[in-house]
Amino acid sequence: GRMLSGGEEHEPLNEDDVYAAIEHFREED
């Protein structure tokens, strides 16, 4: 997911990546 320097959204946030990160954090306590 990517914002540009002018504030425009270049690529939408990939929420699957966010949930994957959260699952990893949960496992790592």
mmCIF file of all heavy atoms, coordinates in Angstrom:
data_MODEL
# 
_entry.id   MODEL 
# 
loop_
_atom_site.group_PDB 
_atom_site.id 
_atom_site.type_symbol 
_atom_site.label_atom_id 
_atom_site.label_alt_id 
_atom_site.label_comp_id 
_atom_site.label_asym_id 
_atom_site.label_entity_id 
_atom_site.label_seq_id 
_atom_site.pdbx_PDB_ins_code 
_atom_site.Cartn_x 
_atom_site.Cartn_y 
_atom_site.Cartn_z 
_atom_site.occupancy 
_atom_site.B_iso_or_equiv 
_atom_site.pdbx_formal_charge 
_atom_site.auth_seq_id 
_atom_site.auth_comp_id 
_atom_site.auth_asym_id 
_atom_site.auth_atom_id 
_atom_site.pdbx_PDB_model_num 
ATOM 1   N N   . GLY A 1 1  ? 0.855  -1.180  0.000  1.00 0.00 ? 1  GLY A N   1 
ATOM 2   C CA  . GLY A 1 1  ? 0.000  0.000   0.000  1.00 0.00 ? 1  GLY A CA  1 
ATOM 3   C C   . GLY A 1 1  ? 0.891  1.228   0.000  1.00 0.00 ? 1  GLY A C   1 
ATOM 4   O O   . GLY A 1 1  ? 1.943  1.242   0.654  1.00 0.00 ? 1  GLY A O   1 
ATOM 5   N N   . ARG A 1 2  ? 0.490  2.278   -0.727 1.00 0.00 ? 2  ARG A N   1 
ATOM 6   C CA  . ARG A 1 2  ? 1.424  3.395   -0.871 1.00 0.00 ? 2  ARG A CA  1 
ATOM 7   C C   . ARG A 1 2  ? 0.705  4.717   -1.083 1.00 0.00 ? 2  ARG A C   1 
ATOM 8   O O   . ARG A 1 2  ? -0.189 4.840   -1.912 1.00 0.00 ? 2  ARG A O   1 
ATOM 9   C CB  . ARG A 1 2  ? 2.348  3.130   -2.064 1.00 0.00 ? 2  ARG A CB  1 
ATOM 10  C CG  . ARG A 1 2  ? 3.520  4.085   -2.210 1.00 0.00 ? 2  ARG A CG  1 
ATOM 11  C CD  . ARG A 1 2  ? 4.497  3.925   -1.070 1.00 0.00 ? 2  ARG A CD  1 
ATOM 12  N NE  . ARG A 1 2  ? 5.676  4.761   -1.243 1.00 0.00 ? 2  ARG A NE  1 
ATOM 13  C CZ  . ARG A 1 2  ? 6.862  4.321   -1.654 1.00 0.00 ? 2  ARG A CZ  1 
ATOM 14  N NH1 . ARG A 1 2  ? 7.037  3.032   -1.912 1.00 0.00 ? 2  ARG A NH1 1 
ATOM 15  N NH2 . ARG A 1 2  ? 7.881  5.144   -1.783 1.00 0.00 ? 2  ARG A NH2 1 
ATOM 16  N N   . MET A 1 3  ? 1.103  5.682   -0.271 1.00 0.00 ? 3  MET A N   1 
ATOM 17  C CA  . MET A 1 3  ? 0.732  7.072   -0.495 1.00 0.00 ? 3  MET A CA  1 
ATOM 18  C C   . MET A 1 3  ? 1.891  7.766   -1.200 1.00 0.00 ? 3  MET A C   1 
ATOM 19  O O   . MET A 1 3  ? 3.057  7.405   -1.015 1.00 0.00 ? 3  MET A O   1 
ATOM 20  C CB  . MET A 1 3  ? 0.434  7.776   0.826  1.00 0.00 ? 3  MET A CB  1 
ATOM 21  C CG  . MET A 1 3  ? -0.774 7.239   1.582  1.00 0.00 ? 3  MET A CG  1 
ATOM 22  S SD  . MET A 1 3  ? -2.309 7.551   0.684  1.00 0.00 ? 3  MET A SD  1 
ATOM 23  C CE  . MET A 1 3  ? -3.506 6.871   1.864  1.00 0.00 ? 3  MET A CE  1 
ATOM 24  N N   . LEU A 1 4  ? 1.576  8.806   -1.979 1.00 0.00 ? 4  LEU A N   1 
ATOM 25  C CA  . LEU A 1 4  ? 2.606  9.586   -2.646 1.00 0.00 ? 4  LEU A CA  1 
ATOM 26  C C   . LEU A 1 4  ? 2.851  10.884  -1.884 1.00 0.00 ? 4  LEU A C   1 
ATOM 27  O O   . LEU A 1 4  ? 2.118  11.238  -0.950 1.00 0.00 ? 4  LEU A O   1 
ATOM 28  C CB  . LEU A 1 4  ? 2.195  9.872   -4.089 1.00 0.00 ? 4  LEU A CB  1 
ATOM 29  C CG  . LEU A 1 4  ? 1.999  8.635   -4.980 1.00 0.00 ? 4  LEU A CG  1 
ATOM 30  C CD1 . LEU A 1 4  ? 1.636  9.050   -6.395 1.00 0.00 ? 4  LEU A CD1 1 
ATOM 31  C CD2 . LEU A 1 4  ? 3.251  7.764   -4.989 1.00 0.00 ? 4  LEU A CD2 1 
ATOM 32  N N   . SER A 1 5  ? 3.871  11.617  -2.318 1.00 0.00 ? 5  SER A N   1 
ATOM 33  C CA  . SER A 1 5  ? 4.287  12.808  -1.585 1.00 0.00 ? 5  SER A CA  1 
ATOM 34  C C   . SER A 1 5  ? 3.231  13.897  -1.583 1.00 0.00 ? 5  SER A C   1 
ATOM 35  O O   . SER A 1 5  ? 3.251  14.775  -0.715 1.00 0.00 ? 5  SER A O   1 
ATOM 36  C CB  . SER A 1 5  ? 5.591  13.354  -2.176 1.00 0.00 ? 5  SER A CB  1 
ATOM 37  O OG  . SER A 1 5  ? 5.417  13.716  -3.533 1.00 0.00 ? 5  SER A OG  1 
ATOM 38  N N   . GLY A 1 6  ? 2.318  13.849  -2.525 1.00 0.00 ? 6  GLY A N   1 
ATOM 39  C CA  . GLY A 1 6  ? 1.244  14.841  -2.537 1.00 0.00 ? 6  GLY A CA  1 
ATOM 40  C C   . GLY A 1 6  ? 0.011  14.413  -1.775 1.00 0.00 ? 6  GLY A C   1 
ATOM 41  O O   . GLY A 1 6  ? -0.984 15.146  -1.745 1.00 0.00 ? 6  GLY A O   1 
ATOM 42  N N   . GLY A 1 7  ? 0.066  13.221  -1.175 1.00 0.00 ? 7  GLY A N   1 
ATOM 43  C CA  . GLY A 1 7  ? -1.071 12.722  -0.413 1.00 0.00 ? 7  GLY A CA  1 
ATOM 44  C C   . GLY A 1 7  ? -2.000 11.827  -1.208 1.00 0.00 ? 7  GLY A C   1 
ATOM 45  O O   . GLY A 1 7  ? -2.983 11.307  -0.661 1.00 0.00 ? 7  GLY A O   1 
ATOM 46  N N   . GLU A 1 8  ? -1.712 11.624  -2.512 1.00 0.00 ? 8  GLU A N   1 
ATOM 47  C CA  . GLU A 1 8  ? -2.570 10.761  -3.321 1.00 0.00 ? 8  GLU A CA  1 
ATOM 48  C C   . GLU A 1 8  ? -2.294 9.291   -3.002 1.00 0.00 ? 8  GLU A C   1 
ATOM 49  O O   . GLU A 1 8  ? -1.160 8.909   -2.715 1.00 0.00 ? 8  GLU A O   1 
ATOM 50  C CB  . GLU A 1 8  ? -2.318 10.995  -4.819 1.00 0.00 ? 8  GLU A CB  1 
ATOM 51  C CG  . GLU A 1 8  ? -2.390 12.450  -5.248 1.00 0.00 ? 8  GLU A CG  1 
ATOM 52  C CD  . GLU A 1 8  ? -1.038 13.140  -5.176 1.00 0.00 ? 8  GLU A CD  1 
ATOM 53  O OE1 . GLU A 1 8  ? -0.094 12.528  -4.622 1.00 0.00 ? 8  GLU A OE1 1 
ATOM 54  O OE2 . GLU A 1 8  ? -0.925 14.293  -5.626 1.00 0.00 ? 8  GLU A OE2 1 
ATOM 55  N N   . GLU A 1 9  ? -3.327 8.465   -3.075 1.00 0.00 ? 9  GLU A N   1 
ATOM 56  C CA  . GLU A 1 9  ? -3.156 7.028   -2.861 1.00 0.00 ? 9  GLU A CA  1 
ATOM 57  C C   . GLU A 1 9  ? -2.701 6.387   -4.166 1.00 0.00 ? 9  GLU A C   1 
ATOM 58  O O   . GLU A 1 9  ? -3.439 6.349   -5.149 1.00 0.00 ? 9  GLU A O   1 
ATOM 59  C CB  . GLU A 1 9  ? -4.454 6.388   -2.384 1.00 0.00 ? 9  GLU A CB  1 
ATOM 60  C CG  . GLU A 1 9  ? -4.279 4.898   -2.059 1.00 0.00 ? 9  GLU A CG  1 
ATOM 61  C CD  . GLU A 1 9  ? -5.575 4.239   -1.608 1.00 0.00 ? 9  GLU A CD  1 
ATOM 62  O OE1 . GLU A 1 9  ? -6.483 4.130   -2.455 1.00 0.00 ? 9  GLU A OE1 1 
ATOM 63  O OE2 . GLU A 1 9  ? -5.671 3.844   -0.431 1.00 0.00 ? 9  GLU A OE2 1 
ATOM 64  N N   . HIS A 1 10 ? -1.482 5.854   -4.150 1.00 0.00 ? 10 HIS A N   1 
ATOM 65  C CA  . HIS A 1 10 ? -0.941 5.188   -5.332 1.00 0.00 ? 10 HIS A CA  1 
ATOM 66  C C   . HIS A 1 10 ? -1.328 3.717   -5.361 1.00 0.00 ? 10 HIS A C   1 
ATOM 67  O O   . HIS A 1 10 ? -1.572 3.153   -6.433 1.00 0.00 ? 10 HIS A O   1 
ATOM 68  C CB  . HIS A 1 10 ? 0.586  5.317   -5.336 1.00 0.00 ? 10 HIS A CB  1 
ATOM 69  C CG  . HIS A 1 10 ? 1.264  4.593   -6.457 1.00 0.00 ? 10 HIS A CG  1 
ATOM 70  N ND1 . HIS A 1 10 ? 1.149  4.991   -7.777 1.00 0.00 ? 10 HIS A ND1 1 
ATOM 71  C CD2 . HIS A 1 10 ? 2.061  3.478   -6.472 1.00 0.00 ? 10 HIS A CD2 1 
ATOM 72  C CE1 . HIS A 1 10 ? 1.836  4.167   -8.543 1.00 0.00 ? 10 HIS A CE1 1 
ATOM 73  N NE2 . HIS A 1 10 ? 2.393  3.234   -7.781 1.00 0.00 ? 10 HIS A NE2 1 
ATOM 74  N N   . GLU A 1 11 ? -1.411 3.120   -4.173 1.00 0.00 ? 11 GLU A N   1 
ATOM 75  C CA  . GLU A 1 11 ? -1.761 1.703   -4.059 1.00 0.00 ? 11 GLU A CA  1 
ATOM 76  C C   . GLU A 1 11 ? -2.565 1.521   -2.778 1.00 0.00 ? 11 GLU A C   1 
ATOM 77  O O   . GLU A 1 11 ? -2.146 1.980   -1.715 1.00 0.00 ? 11 GLU A O   1 
ATOM 78  C CB  . GLU A 1 11 ? -0.498 0.842   -4.019 1.00 0.00 ? 11 GLU A CB  1 
ATOM 79  C CG  . GLU A 1 11 ? -0.766 -0.652  -3.864 1.00 0.00 ? 11 GLU A CG  1 
ATOM 80  C CD  . GLU A 1 11 ? 0.518  -1.459  -3.719 1.00 0.00 ? 11 GLU A CD  1 
ATOM 81  O OE1 . GLU A 1 11 ? 1.616  -0.858  -3.810 1.00 0.00 ? 11 GLU A OE1 1 
ATOM 82  O OE2 . GLU A 1 11 ? 0.423  -2.677  -3.487 1.00 0.00 ? 11 GLU A OE2 1 
ATOM 83  N N   . PRO A 1 12 ? -3.726 0.861   -2.837 1.00 0.00 ? 12 PRO A N   1 
ATOM 84  C CA  . PRO A 1 12 ? -4.544 0.689   -1.626 1.00 0.00 ? 12 PRO A CA  1 
ATOM 85  C C   . PRO A 1 12 ? -3.809 -0.129  -0.564 1.00 0.00 ? 12 PRO A C   1 
ATOM 86  O O   . PRO A 1 12 ? -2.927 -0.937  -0.870 1.00 0.00 ? 12 PRO A O   1 
ATOM 87  C CB  . PRO A 1 12 ? -5.784 -0.064  -2.133 1.00 0.00 ? 12 PRO A CB  1 
ATOM 88  C CG  . PRO A 1 12 ? -5.803 0.169   -3.607 1.00 0.00 ? 12 PRO A CG  1 
ATOM 89  C CD  . PRO A 1 12 ? -4.379 0.302   -4.035 1.00 0.00 ? 12 PRO A CD  1 
ATOM 90  N N   . LEU A 1 13 ? -4.171 0.098   0.682  1.00 0.00 ? 13 LEU A N   1 
ATOM 91  C CA  . LEU A 1 13 ? -3.602 -0.672  1.779  1.00 0.00 ? 13 LEU A CA  1 
ATOM 92  C C   . LEU A 1 13 ? -4.004 -2.138  1.640  1.00 0.00 ? 13 LEU A C   1 
ATOM 93  O O   . LEU A 1 13 ? -5.188 -2.453  1.475  1.00 0.00 ? 13 LEU A O   1 
ATOM 94  C CB  . LEU A 1 13 ? -4.106 -0.119  3.117  1.00 0.00 ? 13 LEU A CB  1 
ATOM 95  C CG  . LEU A 1 13 ? -3.655 -0.876  4.364  1.00 0.00 ? 13 LEU A CG  1 
ATOM 96  C CD1 . LEU A 1 13 ? -2.152 -0.699  4.577  1.00 0.00 ? 13 LEU A CD1 1 
ATOM 97  C CD2 . LEU A 1 13 ? -4.428 -0.393  5.588  1.00 0.00 ? 13 LEU A CD2 1 
ATOM 98  N N   . ASN A 1 14 ? -3.036 -3.014  1.717  1.00 0.00 ? 14 ASN A N   1 
ATOM 99  C CA  . ASN A 1 14 ? -3.308 -4.448  1.643  1.00 0.00 ? 14 ASN A CA  1 
ATOM 100 C C   . ASN A 1 14 ? -3.599 -4.946  3.055  1.00 0.00 ? 14 ASN A C   1 
ATOM 101 O O   . ASN A 1 14 ? -2.691 -5.193  3.851  1.00 0.00 ? 14 ASN A O   1 
ATOM 102 C CB  . ASN A 1 14 ? -2.103 -5.188  1.042  1.00 0.00 ? 14 ASN A CB  1 
ATOM 103 C CG  . ASN A 1 14 ? -2.409 -6.637  0.743  1.00 0.00 ? 14 ASN A CG  1 
ATOM 104 O OD1 . ASN A 1 14 ? -2.977 -7.344  1.573  1.00 0.00 ? 14 ASN A OD1 1 
ATOM 105 N ND2 . ASN A 1 14 ? -2.037 -7.088  -0.447 1.00 0.00 ? 14 ASN A ND2 1 
ATOM 106 N N   . GLU A 1 15 ? -4.858 -5.091  3.379  1.00 0.00 ? 15 GLU A N   1 
ATOM 107 C CA  . GLU A 1 15 ? -5.243 -5.458  4.742  1.00 0.00 ? 15 GLU A CA  1 
ATOM 108 C C   . GLU A 1 15 ? -4.857 -6.895  5.079  1.00 0.00 ? 15 GLU A C   1 
ATOM 109 O O   . GLU A 1 15 ? -4.667 -7.222  6.264  1.00 0.00 ? 15 GLU A O   1 
ATOM 110 C CB  . GLU A 1 15 ? -6.737 -5.221  4.945  1.00 0.00 ? 15 GLU A CB  1 
ATOM 111 C CG  . GLU A 1 15 ? -7.113 -3.742  4.835  1.00 0.00 ? 15 GLU A CG  1 
ATOM 112 C CD  . GLU A 1 15 ? -8.531 -3.452  5.293  1.00 0.00 ? 15 GLU A CD  1 
ATOM 113 O OE1 . GLU A 1 15 ? -9.215 -4.405  5.775  1.00 0.00 ? 15 GLU A OE1 1 
ATOM 114 O OE2 . GLU A 1 15 ? -8.975 -2.295  5.190  1.00 0.00 ? 15 GLU A OE2 1 
ATOM 115 N N   . ASP A 1 16 ? -4.695 -7.738  4.071  1.00 0.00 ? 16 ASP A N   1 
ATOM 116 C CA  . ASP A 1 16 ? -4.234 -9.097  4.354  1.00 0.00 ? 16 ASP A CA  1 
ATOM 117 C C   . ASP A 1 16 ? -2.838 -9.062  4.979  1.00 0.00 ? 16 ASP A C   1 
ATOM 118 O O   . ASP A 1 16 ? -2.525 -9.848  5.889  1.00 0.00 ? 16 ASP A O   1 
ATOM 119 C CB  . ASP A 1 16 ? -4.207 -9.932  3.068  1.00 0.00 ? 16 ASP A CB  1 
ATOM 120 C CG  . ASP A 1 16 ? -5.600 -10.275 2.562  1.00 0.00 ? 16 ASP A CG  1 
ATOM 121 O OD1 . ASP A 1 16 ? -6.552 -10.190 3.367  1.00 0.00 ? 16 ASP A OD1 1 
ATOM 122 O OD2 . ASP A 1 16 ? -5.727 -10.608 1.370  1.00 0.00 ? 16 ASP A OD2 1 
ATOM 123 N N   . ASP A 1 17 ? -2.009 -8.138  4.499  1.00 0.00 ? 17 ASP A N   1 
ATOM 124 C CA  . ASP A 1 17 ? -0.674 -7.997  5.085  1.00 0.00 ? 17 ASP A CA  1 
ATOM 125 C C   . ASP A 1 17 ? -0.757 -7.540  6.539  1.00 0.00 ? 17 ASP A C   1 
ATOM 126 O O   . ASP A 1 17 ? 0.030  -7.976  7.393  1.00 0.00 ? 17 ASP A O   1 
ATOM 127 C CB  . ASP A 1 17 ? 0.152  -6.979  4.293  1.00 0.00 ? 17 ASP A CB  1 
ATOM 128 C CG  . ASP A 1 17 ? 0.547  -7.489  2.909  1.00 0.00 ? 17 ASP A CG  1 
ATOM 129 O OD1 . ASP A 1 17 ? 0.358  -8.693  2.653  1.00 0.00 ? 17 ASP A OD1 1 
ATOM 130 O OD2 . ASP A 1 17 ? 1.039  -6.677  2.104  1.00 0.00 ? 17 ASP A OD2 1 
ATOM 131 N N   . VAL A 1 18 ? -1.711 -6.654  6.816  1.00 0.00 ? 18 VAL A N   1 
ATOM 132 C CA  . VAL A 1 18 ? -1.875 -6.159  8.190  1.00 0.00 ? 18 VAL A CA  1 
ATOM 133 C C   . VAL A 1 18 ? -2.291 -7.306  9.106  1.00 0.00 ? 18 VAL A C   1 
ATOM 134 O O   . VAL A 1 18 ? -1.729 -7.481  10.205 1.00 0.00 ? 18 VAL A O   1 
ATOM 135 C CB  . VAL A 1 18 ? -2.905 -5.020  8.238  1.00 0.00 ? 18 VAL A CB  1 
ATOM 136 C CG1 . VAL A 1 18 ? -3.100 -4.544  9.687  1.00 0.00 ? 18 VAL A CG1 1 
ATOM 137 C CG2 . VAL A 1 18 ? -2.481 -3.859  7.355  1.00 0.00 ? 18 VAL A CG2 1 
ATOM 138 N N   . TYR A 1 19 ? -3.246 -8.104  8.666  1.00 0.00 ? 19 TYR A N   1 
ATOM 139 C CA  . TYR A 1 19 ? -3.700 -9.228  9.491  1.00 0.00 ? 19 TYR A CA  1 
ATOM 140 C C   . TYR A 1 19 ? -2.585 -10.267 9.672  1.00 0.00 ? 19 TYR A C   1 
ATOM 141 O O   . TYR A 1 19 ? -2.454 -10.873 10.753 1.00 0.00 ? 19 TYR A O   1 
ATOM 142 C CB  . TYR A 1 19 ? -4.933 -9.884  8.863  1.00 0.00 ? 19 TYR A CB  1 
ATOM 143 C CG  . TYR A 1 19 ? -6.206 -9.083  9.083  1.00 0.00 ? 19 TYR A CG  1 
ATOM 144 C CD1 . TYR A 1 19 ? -6.769 -8.354  8.045  1.00 0.00 ? 19 TYR A CD1 1 
ATOM 145 C CD2 . TYR A 1 19 ? -6.822 -9.050  10.332 1.00 0.00 ? 19 TYR A CD2 1 
ATOM 146 C CE1 . TYR A 1 19 ? -7.929 -7.622  8.236  1.00 0.00 ? 19 TYR A CE1 1 
ATOM 147 C CE2 . TYR A 1 19 ? -7.988 -8.317  10.535 1.00 0.00 ? 19 TYR A CE2 1 
ATOM 148 C CZ  . TYR A 1 19 ? -8.531 -7.599  9.482  1.00 0.00 ? 19 TYR A CZ  1 
ATOM 149 O OH  . TYR A 1 19 ? -9.676 -6.860  9.681  1.00 0.00 ? 19 TYR A OH  1 
ATOM 150 N N   . ALA A 1 20 ? -1.766 -10.443 8.639  1.00 0.00 ? 20 ALA A N   1 
ATOM 151 C CA  . ALA A 1 20 ? -0.646 -11.384 8.763  1.00 0.00 ? 20 ALA A CA  1 
ATOM 152 C C   . ALA A 1 20 ? 0.373  -10.873 9.784  1.00 0.00 ? 20 ALA A C   1 
ATOM 153 O O   . ALA A 1 20 ? 0.915  -11.644 10.590 1.00 0.00 ? 20 ALA A O   1 
ATOM 154 C CB  . ALA A 1 20 ? 0.022  -11.569 7.398  1.00 0.00 ? 20 ALA A CB  1 
ATOM 155 N N   . ALA A 1 21 ? 0.619  -9.581  9.764  1.00 0.00 ? 21 ALA A N   1 
ATOM 156 C CA  . ALA A 1 21 ? 1.540  -8.996  10.748 1.00 0.00 ? 21 ALA A CA  1 
ATOM 157 C C   . ALA A 1 21 ? 0.991  -9.168  12.159 1.00 0.00 ? 21 ALA A C   1 
ATOM 158 O O   . ALA A 1 21 ? 1.726  -9.514  13.101 1.00 0.00 ? 21 ALA A O   1 
ATOM 159 C CB  . ALA A 1 21 ? 1.755  -7.518  10.440 1.00 0.00 ? 21 ALA A CB  1 
ATOM 160 N N   . ILE A 1 22 ? -0.305 -8.940  12.313 1.00 0.00 ? 22 ILE A N   1 
ATOM 161 C CA  . ILE A 1 22 ? -0.925 -9.071  13.630 1.00 0.00 ? 22 ILE A CA  1 
ATOM 162 C C   . ILE A 1 22 ? -0.835 -10.502 14.137 1.00 0.00 ? 22 ILE A C   1 
ATOM 163 O O   . ILE A 1 22 ? -0.552 -10.745 15.324 1.00 0.00 ? 22 ILE A O   1 
ATOM 164 C CB  . ILE A 1 22 ? -2.389 -8.587  13.569 1.00 0.00 ? 22 ILE A CB  1 
ATOM 165 C CG1 . ILE A 1 22 ? -2.416 -7.065  13.409 1.00 0.00 ? 22 ILE A CG1 1 
ATOM 166 C CG2 . ILE A 1 22 ? -3.170 -9.034  14.795 1.00 0.00 ? 22 ILE A CG2 1 
ATOM 167 C CD1 . ILE A 1 22 ? -3.799 -6.503  13.170 1.00 0.00 ? 22 ILE A CD1 1 
ATOM 168 N N   . GLU A 1 23 ? -1.056 -11.467 13.263 1.00 0.00 ? 23 GLU A N   1 
ATOM 169 C CA  . GLU A 1 23 ? -0.958 -12.868 13.679 1.00 0.00 ? 23 GLU A CA  1 
ATOM 170 C C   . GLU A 1 23 ? 0.464  -13.196 14.131 1.00 0.00 ? 23 GLU A C   1 
ATOM 171 O O   . GLU A 1 23 ? 0.668  -13.910 15.123 1.00 0.00 ? 23 GLU A O   1 
ATOM 172 C CB  . GLU A 1 23 ? -1.370 -13.776 12.521 1.00 0.00 ? 23 GLU A CB  1 
ATOM 173 C CG  . GLU A 1 23 ? -1.393 -15.263 12.890 1.00 0.00 ? 23 GLU A CG  1 
ATOM 174 C CD  . GLU A 1 23 ? -2.338 -15.566 14.053 1.00 0.00 ? 23 GLU A CD  1 
ATOM 175 O OE1 . GLU A 1 23 ? -3.377 -14.876 14.185 1.00 0.00 ? 23 GLU A OE1 1 
ATOM 176 O OE2 . GLU A 1 23 ? -2.016 -16.491 14.839 1.00 0.00 ? 23 GLU A OE2 1 
ATOM 177 N N   . HIS A 1 24 ? 1.448  -12.651 13.424 1.00 0.00 ? 24 HIS A N   1 
ATOM 178 C CA  . HIS A 1 24 ? 2.844  -12.859 13.822 1.00 0.00 ? 24 HIS A CA  1 
ATOM 179 C C   . HIS A 1 24 ? 3.115  -12.217 15.177 1.00 0.00 ? 24 HIS A C   1 
ATOM 180 O O   . HIS A 1 24 ? 3.764  -12.828 16.044 1.00 0.00 ? 24 HIS A O   1 
ATOM 181 C CB  . HIS A 1 24 ? 3.764  -12.277 12.753 1.00 0.00 ? 24 HIS A CB  1 
ATOM 182 C CG  . HIS A 1 24 ? 5.218  -12.482 13.043 1.00 0.00 ? 24 HIS A CG  1 
ATOM 183 N ND1 . HIS A 1 24 ? 5.805  -13.725 13.126 1.00 0.00 ? 24 HIS A ND1 1 
ATOM 184 C CD2 . HIS A 1 24 ? 6.217  -11.585 13.299 1.00 0.00 ? 24 HIS A CD2 1 
ATOM 185 C CE1 . HIS A 1 24 ? 7.088  -13.605 13.390 1.00 0.00 ? 24 HIS A CE1 1 
ATOM 186 N NE2 . HIS A 1 24 ? 7.375  -12.308 13.509 1.00 0.00 ? 24 HIS A NE2 1 
ATOM 187 N N   . PHE A 1 25 ? 2.612  -11.011 15.391 1.00 0.00 ? 25 PHE A N   1 
ATOM 188 C CA  . PHE A 1 25 ? 2.799  -10.341 16.684 1.00 0.00 ? 25 PHE A CA  1 
ATOM 189 C C   . PHE A 1 25 ? 2.133  -11.129 17.807 1.00 0.00 ? 25 PHE A C   1 
ATOM 190 O O   . PHE A 1 25 ? 2.661  -11.223 18.920 1.00 0.00 ? 25 PHE A O   1 
ATOM 191 C CB  . PHE A 1 25 ? 2.226  -8.927  16.637 1.00 0.00 ? 25 PHE A CB  1 
ATOM 192 C CG  . PHE A 1 25 ? 2.967  -7.975  15.740 1.00 0.00 ? 25 PHE A CG  1 
ATOM 193 C CD1 . PHE A 1 25 ? 2.319  -6.887  15.172 1.00 0.00 ? 25 PHE A CD1 1 
ATOM 194 C CD2 . PHE A 1 25 ? 4.309  -8.165  15.455 1.00 0.00 ? 25 PHE A CD2 1 
ATOM 195 C CE1 . PHE A 1 25 ? 2.990  -6.001  14.351 1.00 0.00 ? 25 PHE A CE1 1 
ATOM 196 C CE2 . PHE A 1 25 ? 4.999  -7.290  14.627 1.00 0.00 ? 25 PHE A CE2 1 
ATOM 197 C CZ  . PHE A 1 25 ? 4.334  -6.208  14.066 1.00 0.00 ? 25 PHE A CZ  1 
ATOM 198 N N   . ARG A 1 26 ? 0.983  -11.699 17.513 1.00 0.00 ? 26 ARG A N   1 
ATOM 199 C CA  . ARG A 1 26 ? 0.271  -12.488 18.529 1.00 0.00 ? 26 ARG A CA  1 
ATOM 200 C C   . ARG A 1 26 ? 1.096  -13.719 18.911 1.00 0.00 ? 26 ARG A C   1 
ATOM 201 O O   . ARG A 1 26 ? 1.233  -14.049 20.092 1.00 0.00 ? 26 ARG A O   1 
ATOM 202 C CB  . ARG A 1 26 ? -1.103 -12.897 17.996 1.00 0.00 ? 26 ARG A CB  1 
ATOM 203 C CG  . ARG A 1 26 ? -1.980 -13.592 19.033 1.00 0.00 ? 26 ARG A CG  1 
ATOM 204 C CD  . ARG A 1 26 ? -3.321 -13.973 18.448 1.00 0.00 ? 26 ARG A CD  1 
ATOM 205 N NE  . ARG A 1 26 ? -4.192 -12.823 18.260 1.00 0.00 ? 26 ARG A NE  1 
ATOM 206 C CZ  . ARG A 1 26 ? -4.652 -12.404 17.083 1.00 0.00 ? 26 ARG A CZ  1 
ATOM 207 N NH1 . ARG A 1 26 ? -4.290 -13.036 15.965 1.00 0.00 ? 26 ARG A NH1 1 
ATOM 208 N NH2 . ARG A 1 26 ? -5.450 -11.357 16.993 1.00 0.00 ? 26 ARG A NH2 1 
ATOM 209 N N   . GLU A 1 27 ? 1.675  -14.364 17.916 1.00 0.00 ? 27 GLU A N   1 
ATOM 210 C CA  . GLU A 1 27 ? 2.505  -15.543 18.185 1.00 0.00 ? 27 GLU A CA  1 
ATOM 211 C C   . GLU A 1 27 ? 3.761  -15.169 18.971 1.00 0.00 ? 27 GLU A C   1 
ATOM 212 O O   . GLU A 1 27 ? 4.236  -15.948 19.800 1.00 0.00 ? 27 GLU A O   1 
ATOM 213 C CB  . GLU A 1 27 ? 2.894  -16.212 16.863 1.00 0.00 ? 27 GLU A CB  1 
ATOM 214 C CG  . GLU A 1 27 ? 1.719  -16.826 16.112 1.00 0.00 ? 27 GLU A CG  1 
ATOM 215 C CD  . GLU A 1 27 ? 2.122  -17.299 14.728 1.00 0.00 ? 27 GLU A CD  1 
ATOM 216 O OE1 . GLU A 1 27 ? 3.303  -17.050 14.331 1.00 0.00 ? 27 GLU A OE1 1 
ATOM 217 O OE2 . GLU A 1 27 ? 1.281  -17.901 14.029 1.00 0.00 ? 27 GLU A OE2 1 
ATOM 218 N N   . GLU A 1 28 ? 4.297  -13.982 18.720 1.00 0.00 ? 28 GLU A N   1 
ATOM 219 C CA  . GLU A 1 28 ? 5.528  -13.537 19.378 1.00 0.00 ? 28 GLU A CA  1 
ATOM 220 C C   . GLU A 1 28 ? 5.256  -12.857 20.721 1.00 0.00 ? 28 GLU A C   1 
ATOM 221 O O   . GLU A 1 28 ? 6.198  -12.452 21.403 1.00 0.00 ? 28 GLU A O   1 
ATOM 222 C CB  . GLU A 1 28 ? 6.286  -12.569 18.460 1.00 0.00 ? 28 GLU A CB  1 
ATOM 223 C CG  . GLU A 1 28 ? 6.866  -13.219 17.215 1.00 0.00 ? 28 GLU A CG  1 
ATOM 224 C CD  . GLU A 1 28 ? 8.058  -14.095 17.546 1.00 0.00 ? 28 GLU A CD  1 
ATOM 225 O OE1 . GLU A 1 28 ? 8.689  -13.882 18.604 1.00 0.00 ? 28 GLU A OE1 1 
ATOM 226 O OE2 . GLU A 1 28 ? 8.370  -14.999 16.736 1.00 0.00 ? 28 GLU A OE2 1 
ATOM 227 N N   . ASP A 1 29 ? 3.987  -12.726 21.077 1.00 0.00 ? 29 ASP A N   1 
ATOM 228 C CA  . ASP A 1 29 ? 3.611  -12.119 22.360 1.00 0.00 ? 29 ASP A CA  1 
ATOM 229 C C   . ASP A 1 29 ? 4.156  -10.693 22.489 1.00 0.00 ? 29 ASP A C   1 
ATOM 230 O O   . ASP A 1 29 ? 4.751  -10.309 23.497 1.00 0.00 ? 29 ASP A O   1 
ATOM 231 C CB  . ASP A 1 29 ? 4.115  -12.973 23.529 1.00 0.00 ? 29 ASP A CB  1 
ATOM 232 C CG  . ASP A 1 29 ? 3.376  -12.664 24.830 1.00 0.00 ? 29 ASP A CG  1 
ATOM 233 O OD1 . ASP A 1 29 ? 2.247  -12.137 24.766 1.00 0.00 ? 29 ASP A OD1 1 
ATOM 234 O OD2 . ASP A 1 29 ? 3.932  -12.938 25.901 1.00 0.00 ? 29 ASP A OD2 1 
# 
